Amino acid sequence: MSAIHHLRAADEYLQDFIRESIKRAGITRGVQKFGDYSKRVNWILTDMKTYPHFSDEIREGLRHEMSSDAFSYVAIAEKCSLLSPQQRELMDEALDSILKGEKINIEFRPEGVTA
């Protein structure tokens, strides 16, 4: 699934370049080229979600992933890198519980404050 996130993020960056370039200089050869790259990325994404040899379940999962925020995956990873080892361990346990379908409760308290 990370390939989907990377492709969608790449397309967002391509579209951002196009928007900014048009504001500054109008339609240029660079804008046209980056537009072509964006079309290719979107072709790949469309091909993935319509590939006839994938099951309906897989295609639906791909569509669901493609509709999510392209940058949330990266943002979560970046935030985890800022956690202390103890905090990462707690986060890992919480994610494992969520993925198992378990209900979890999270309490936020200022550091040093006990219940």
N, C-alpha and C. Protein backbone atom coordinates (compact mmCIF):
# COMPACT_ATOMS: atom_id res chain seq x y z
N MET A 1 0.81 -1.20 0.00
CA MET A 1 0.00 0.00 0.00
C MET A 1 0.85 1.27 0.00
N SER A 2 2.09 1.16 0.47
CA SER A 2 2.91 2.38 0.50
C SER A 2 3.17 2.90 -0.91
N ALA A 3 3.18 2.02 -1.91
CA ALA A 3 3.37 2.48 -3.29
C ALA A 3 2.25 3.43 -3.69
N ILE A 4 1.03 3.13 -3.27
CA ILE A 4 -0.10 4.00 -3.58
C ILE A 4 0.11 5.37 -2.96
N HIS A 5 0.54 5.39 -1.70
CA HIS A 5 0.76 6.67 -1.03
C HIS A 5 1.86 7.47 -1.71
N HIS A 6 2.92 6.80 -2.11
CA HIS A 6 4.02 7.49 -2.78
C HIS A 6 3.60 8.03 -4.15
N LEU A 7 2.84 7.24 -4.89
CA LEU A 7 2.36 7.71 -6.19
C LEU A 7 1.42 8.90 -6.04
N ARG A 8 0.52 8.82 -5.09
CA ARG A 8 -0.42 9.94 -4.88
C ARG A 8 0.32 11.18 -4.40
N ALA A 9 1.30 11.01 -3.53
CA ALA A 9 2.10 12.15 -3.07
C ALA A 9 2.87 12.75 -4.25
N ALA A 10 3.45 11.89 -5.09
CA ALA A 10 4.19 12.38 -6.26
C ALA A 10 3.26 13.20 -7.16
N ASP A 11 2.04 12.72 -7.37
CA ASP A 11 1.10 13.47 -8.20
C ASP A 11 0.75 14.81 -7.56
N GLU A 12 0.59 14.83 -6.25
CA GLU A 12 0.32 16.10 -5.56
C GLU A 12 1.46 17.09 -5.78
N TYR A 13 2.70 16.61 -5.69
CA TYR A 13 3.85 17.49 -5.92
C TYR A 13 3.89 17.97 -7.38
N LEU A 14 3.58 17.08 -8.33
CA LEU A 14 3.53 17.48 -9.73
C LEU A 14 2.47 18.55 -9.95
N GLN A 15 1.29 18.34 -9.38
CA GLN A 15 0.21 19.31 -9.53
C GLN A 15 0.56 20.65 -8.88
N ASP A 16 1.25 20.59 -7.75
CA ASP A 16 1.69 21.83 -7.09
C ASP A 16 2.66 22.59 -7.98
N PHE A 17 3.61 21.89 -8.59
CA PHE A 17 4.56 22.52 -9.51
C PHE A 17 3.80 23.19 -10.66
N ILE A 18 2.82 22.48 -11.21
CA ILE A 18 2.04 23.01 -12.33
C ILE A 18 1.30 24.28 -11.91
N ARG A 19 0.62 24.24 -10.77
CA ARG A 19 -0.13 25.41 -10.30
C ARG A 19 0.78 26.62 -10.10
N GLU A 20 1.90 26.40 -9.42
CA GLU A 20 2.82 27.50 -9.14
C GLU A 20 3.46 28.05 -10.42
N SER A 21 3.80 27.16 -11.33
CA SER A 21 4.42 27.60 -12.59
C SER A 21 3.46 28.41 -13.44
N ILE A 22 2.20 27.99 -13.47
CA ILE A 22 1.20 28.73 -14.24
C ILE A 22 1.02 30.13 -13.67
N LYS A 23 1.02 30.25 -12.34
CA LYS A 23 0.90 31.57 -11.71
C LYS A 23 2.05 32.49 -12.12
N ARG A 24 3.27 31.93 -12.17
CA ARG A 24 4.45 32.74 -12.45
C ARG A 24 4.67 33.01 -13.94
N ALA A 25 4.49 31.98 -14.76
CA ALA A 25 4.91 32.12 -16.16
C ALA A 25 3.86 31.65 -17.16
N GLY A 26 2.72 31.23 -16.72
CA GLY A 26 1.72 30.71 -17.65
C GLY A 26 2.05 29.28 -18.07
N ILE A 27 1.45 28.88 -19.15
CA ILE A 27 1.67 27.51 -19.66
C ILE A 27 3.03 27.47 -20.35
N THR A 28 3.92 26.67 -19.83
CA THR A 28 5.26 26.54 -20.40
C THR A 28 5.48 25.08 -20.80
N ARG A 29 6.61 24.82 -21.43
CA ARG A 29 6.94 23.43 -21.78
C ARG A 29 7.08 22.58 -20.52
N GLY A 30 7.63 23.18 -19.46
CA GLY A 30 7.77 22.46 -18.19
C GLY A 30 6.42 22.08 -17.62
N VAL A 31 5.47 23.01 -17.69
CA VAL A 31 4.11 22.72 -17.20
C VAL A 31 3.51 21.58 -18.01
N GLN A 32 3.68 21.62 -19.32
CA GLN A 32 3.13 20.57 -20.17
C GLN A 32 3.79 19.22 -19.85
N LYS A 33 5.09 19.22 -19.65
CA LYS A 33 5.81 17.98 -19.36
C LYS A 33 5.37 17.40 -18.01
N PHE A 34 5.27 18.27 -16.99
CA PHE A 34 4.85 17.80 -15.68
C PHE A 34 3.39 17.33 -15.72
N GLY A 35 2.58 17.94 -16.60
CA GLY A 35 1.21 17.47 -16.80
C GLY A 35 1.20 16.05 -17.38
N ASP A 36 2.13 15.81 -18.31
CA ASP A 36 2.26 14.45 -18.87
C ASP A 36 2.66 13.45 -17.80
N TYR A 37 3.59 13.84 -16.93
CA TYR A 37 4.01 12.95 -15.84
C TYR A 37 2.84 12.64 -14.91
N SER A 38 2.05 13.67 -14.62
CA SER A 38 0.89 13.49 -13.75
C SER A 38 -0.11 12.50 -14.38
N LYS A 39 -0.32 12.63 -15.68
CA LYS A 39 -1.22 11.70 -16.38
C LYS A 39 -0.70 10.26 -16.27
N ARG A 40 0.61 10.10 -16.36
CA ARG A 40 1.19 8.75 -16.27
C ARG A 40 1.00 8.16 -14.87
N VAL A 41 1.20 8.99 -13.85
CA VAL A 41 0.99 8.53 -12.48
C VAL A 41 -0.47 8.11 -12.30
N ASN A 42 -1.38 8.93 -12.81
CA ASN A 42 -2.80 8.60 -12.68
C ASN A 42 -3.18 7.37 -13.48
N TRP A 43 -2.51 7.15 -14.61
CA TRP A 43 -2.74 5.92 -15.38
C TRP A 43 -2.36 4.70 -14.54
N ILE A 44 -1.22 4.79 -13.87
CA ILE A 44 -0.76 3.67 -13.02
C ILE A 44 -1.78 3.40 -11.92
N LEU A 45 -2.24 4.46 -11.25
CA LEU A 45 -3.21 4.29 -10.17
C LEU A 45 -4.52 3.69 -10.69
N THR A 46 -4.98 4.18 -11.84
CA THR A 46 -6.22 3.64 -12.43
C THR A 46 -6.04 2.18 -12.81
N ASP A 47 -4.89 1.86 -13.39
CA ASP A 47 -4.61 0.47 -13.77
C ASP A 47 -4.61 -0.44 -12.56
N MET A 48 -4.06 0.04 -11.45
CA MET A 48 -4.01 -0.77 -10.24
C MET A 48 -5.42 -1.09 -9.72
N LYS A 49 -6.28 -0.08 -9.71
CA LYS A 49 -7.60 -0.30 -9.12
C LYS A 49 -8.60 -0.97 -10.07
N THR A 50 -8.22 -1.11 -11.35
CA THR A 50 -9.11 -1.78 -12.30
C THR A 50 -8.53 -3.07 -12.86
N TYR A 51 -7.37 -3.49 -12.36
CA TYR A 51 -6.71 -4.69 -12.86
C TYR A 51 -7.65 -5.88 -12.71
N PRO A 52 -8.03 -6.54 -13.82
CA PRO A 52 -9.07 -7.58 -13.76
C PRO A 52 -8.66 -8.85 -13.01
N HIS A 53 -7.39 -9.07 -12.80
CA HIS A 53 -6.97 -10.30 -12.13
C HIS A 53 -6.94 -10.15 -10.61
N PHE A 54 -7.17 -8.93 -10.11
CA PHE A 54 -7.32 -8.75 -8.66
C PHE A 54 -8.76 -9.09 -8.29
N SER A 55 -8.94 -9.60 -7.09
CA SER A 55 -10.29 -9.88 -6.61
C SER A 55 -11.01 -8.55 -6.34
N ASP A 56 -12.34 -8.63 -6.24
CA ASP A 56 -13.13 -7.43 -5.92
C ASP A 56 -12.69 -6.83 -4.60
N GLU A 57 -12.35 -7.70 -3.65
CA GLU A 57 -11.92 -7.24 -2.32
C GLU A 57 -10.63 -6.43 -2.42
N ILE A 58 -9.68 -6.90 -3.21
CA ILE A 58 -8.41 -6.18 -3.37
C ILE A 58 -8.65 -4.86 -4.09
N ARG A 59 -9.44 -4.87 -5.15
CA ARG A 59 -9.72 -3.63 -5.88
C ARG A 59 -10.42 -2.62 -4.99
N GLU A 60 -11.34 -3.08 -4.16
CA GLU A 60 -12.04 -2.17 -3.24
C GLU A 60 -11.06 -1.60 -2.21
N GLY A 61 -10.15 -2.43 -1.72
CA GLY A 61 -9.12 -1.96 -0.78
C GLY A 61 -8.22 -0.92 -1.42
N LEU A 62 -7.86 -1.14 -2.68
CA LEU A 62 -7.03 -0.17 -3.40
C LEU A 62 -7.78 1.15 -3.57
N ARG A 63 -9.05 1.08 -3.95
CA ARG A 63 -9.85 2.31 -4.10
C ARG A 63 -9.94 3.06 -2.78
N HIS A 64 -10.13 2.32 -1.71
CA HIS A 64 -10.22 2.94 -0.39
C HIS A 64 -8.92 3.66 -0.04
N GLU A 65 -7.80 2.99 -0.27
CA GLU A 65 -6.49 3.61 0.01
C GLU A 65 -6.27 4.85 -0.85
N MET A 66 -6.68 4.78 -2.10
CA MET A 66 -6.48 5.90 -3.02
C MET A 66 -7.32 7.10 -2.66
N SER A 67 -8.41 6.89 -1.93
CA SER A 67 -9.26 8.01 -1.54
C SER A 67 -8.81 8.65 -0.23
N SER A 68 -7.83 8.06 0.44
CA SER A 68 -7.35 8.61 1.71
C SER A 68 -6.35 9.74 1.46
N ASP A 69 -6.03 10.46 2.50
CA ASP A 69 -5.07 11.57 2.41
C ASP A 69 -3.69 11.03 2.04
N ALA A 70 -3.14 11.54 0.95
CA ALA A 70 -1.85 11.05 0.45
C ALA A 70 -0.70 11.31 1.41
N PHE A 71 -0.83 12.33 2.24
CA PHE A 71 0.28 12.70 3.10
C PHE A 71 0.15 12.21 4.54
N SER A 72 -1.00 11.65 4.91
CA SER A 72 -1.18 11.22 6.30
C SER A 72 -0.23 10.07 6.65
N TYR A 73 0.00 9.18 5.72
CA TYR A 73 0.90 8.04 5.93
C TYR A 73 2.31 8.53 6.29
N VAL A 74 2.81 9.48 5.51
CA VAL A 74 4.14 10.04 5.74
C VAL A 74 4.15 10.85 7.04
N ALA A 75 3.10 11.61 7.29
CA ALA A 75 3.03 12.43 8.50
C ALA A 75 3.07 11.57 9.76
N ILE A 76 2.37 10.45 9.73
CA ILE A 76 2.38 9.55 10.90
C ILE A 76 3.78 9.00 11.13
N ALA A 77 4.44 8.58 10.07
CA ALA A 77 5.81 8.04 10.20
C ALA A 77 6.76 9.11 10.74
N GLU A 78 6.62 10.35 10.24
CA GLU A 78 7.49 11.43 10.72
C GLU A 78 7.25 11.71 12.20
N LYS A 79 6.00 11.71 12.61
CA LYS A 79 5.69 11.96 14.03
C LYS A 79 6.23 10.84 14.91
N CYS A 80 6.13 9.60 14.44
CA CYS A 80 6.65 8.47 15.23
C CYS A 80 8.15 8.58 15.43
N SER A 81 8.85 9.13 14.46
CA SER A 81 10.30 9.27 14.59
C SER A 81 10.68 10.26 15.68
N LEU A 82 9.75 11.12 16.07
CA LEU A 82 10.02 12.11 17.12
C LEU A 82 9.73 11.57 18.52
N LEU A 83 9.13 10.41 18.61
CA LEU A 83 8.79 9.83 19.91
C LEU A 83 10.01 9.21 20.57
N SER A 84 9.96 9.15 21.89
CA SER A 84 11.01 8.46 22.63
C SER A 84 10.82 6.95 22.43
N PRO A 85 11.84 6.14 22.72
CA PRO A 85 11.67 4.69 22.58
C PRO A 85 10.48 4.15 23.37
N GLN A 86 10.28 4.66 24.57
CA GLN A 86 9.15 4.21 25.39
C GLN A 86 7.81 4.60 24.73
N GLN A 87 7.74 5.81 24.20
CA GLN A 87 6.51 6.25 23.54
C GLN A 87 6.24 5.43 22.28
N ARG A 88 7.29 5.11 21.52
CA ARG A 88 7.11 4.29 20.31
C ARG A 88 6.59 2.91 20.68
N GLU A 89 7.10 2.36 21.77
CA GLU A 89 6.64 1.04 22.21
C GLU A 89 5.15 1.08 22.57
N LEU A 90 4.74 2.13 23.28
CA LEU A 90 3.32 2.28 23.62
C LEU A 90 2.47 2.43 22.36
N MET A 91 2.97 3.22 21.42
CA MET A 91 2.26 3.43 20.17
C MET A 91 2.13 2.12 19.40
N ASP A 92 3.19 1.34 19.38
CA ASP A 92 3.18 0.05 18.69
C ASP A 92 2.13 -0.87 19.30
N GLU A 93 2.07 -0.91 20.62
CA GLU A 93 1.07 -1.74 21.30
C GLU A 93 -0.34 -1.27 20.98
N ALA A 94 -0.54 0.06 20.98
CA ALA A 94 -1.87 0.60 20.67
C ALA A 94 -2.28 0.26 19.24
N LEU A 95 -1.36 0.40 18.30
CA LEU A 95 -1.67 0.08 16.91
C LEU A 95 -1.96 -1.41 16.73
N ASP A 96 -1.21 -2.26 17.41
CA ASP A 96 -1.48 -3.69 17.35
C ASP A 96 -2.90 -3.99 17.83
N SER A 97 -3.30 -3.35 18.92
CA SER A 97 -4.65 -3.56 19.46
C SER A 97 -5.72 -3.08 18.47
N ILE A 98 -5.49 -1.92 17.87
CA ILE A 98 -6.45 -1.38 16.89
C ILE A 98 -6.58 -2.33 15.72
N LEU A 99 -5.45 -2.83 15.22
CA LEU A 99 -5.48 -3.73 14.06
C LEU A 99 -6.14 -5.07 14.38
N LYS A 100 -6.12 -5.47 15.64
CA LYS A 100 -6.80 -6.71 16.06
C LYS A 100 -8.30 -6.48 16.25
N GLY A 101 -8.72 -5.21 16.16
CA GLY A 101 -10.13 -4.90 16.35
C GLY A 101 -10.51 -4.67 17.79
N GLU A 102 -9.52 -4.56 18.66
CA GLU A 102 -9.80 -4.34 20.08
C GLU A 102 -10.13 -2.87 20.32
N LYS A 103 -10.93 -2.63 21.33
CA LYS A 103 -11.24 -1.26 21.73
C LYS A 103 -10.14 -0.79 22.67
N ILE A 104 -9.63 0.40 22.43
CA ILE A 104 -8.61 0.94 23.32
C ILE A 104 -9.07 2.30 23.84
N ASN A 105 -8.62 2.62 25.02
CA ASN A 105 -8.87 3.93 25.63
C ASN A 105 -7.53 4.61 25.84
N ILE A 106 -7.44 5.85 25.44
CA ILE A 106 -6.20 6.60 25.59
C ILE A 106 -6.47 7.81 26.48
N GLU A 107 -5.67 7.97 27.51
CA GLU A 107 -5.77 9.12 28.40
C GLU A 107 -4.55 10.00 28.18
N PHE A 108 -4.78 11.28 28.10
CA PHE A 108 -3.68 12.23 27.96
C PHE A 108 -3.54 12.99 29.27
N ARG A 109 -2.32 12.94 29.83
CA ARG A 109 -2.04 13.66 31.06
C ARG A 109 -0.69 14.36 30.86
N PRO A 110 -0.57 15.54 31.45
CA PRO A 110 0.74 16.20 31.40
C PRO A 110 1.78 15.31 32.06
N GLU A 111 3.00 15.33 31.52
CA GLU A 111 4.06 14.49 32.06
C GLU A 111 4.29 14.84 33.54
N GLY A 112 4.46 13.81 34.34
CA GLY A 112 4.70 14.00 35.77
C GLY A 112 3.43 13.99 36.61
N VAL A 113 2.25 14.06 35.98
CA VAL A 113 0.99 14.05 36.70
C VAL A 113 0.50 12.61 36.75
N THR A 114 0.18 12.15 37.92
CA THR A 114 -0.34 10.79 38.08
C THR A 114 -1.82 10.84 38.41
N ALA A 115 -2.51 9.78 38.08
CA ALA A 115 -3.96 9.72 38.33
C ALA A 115 -4.25 9.42 39.76
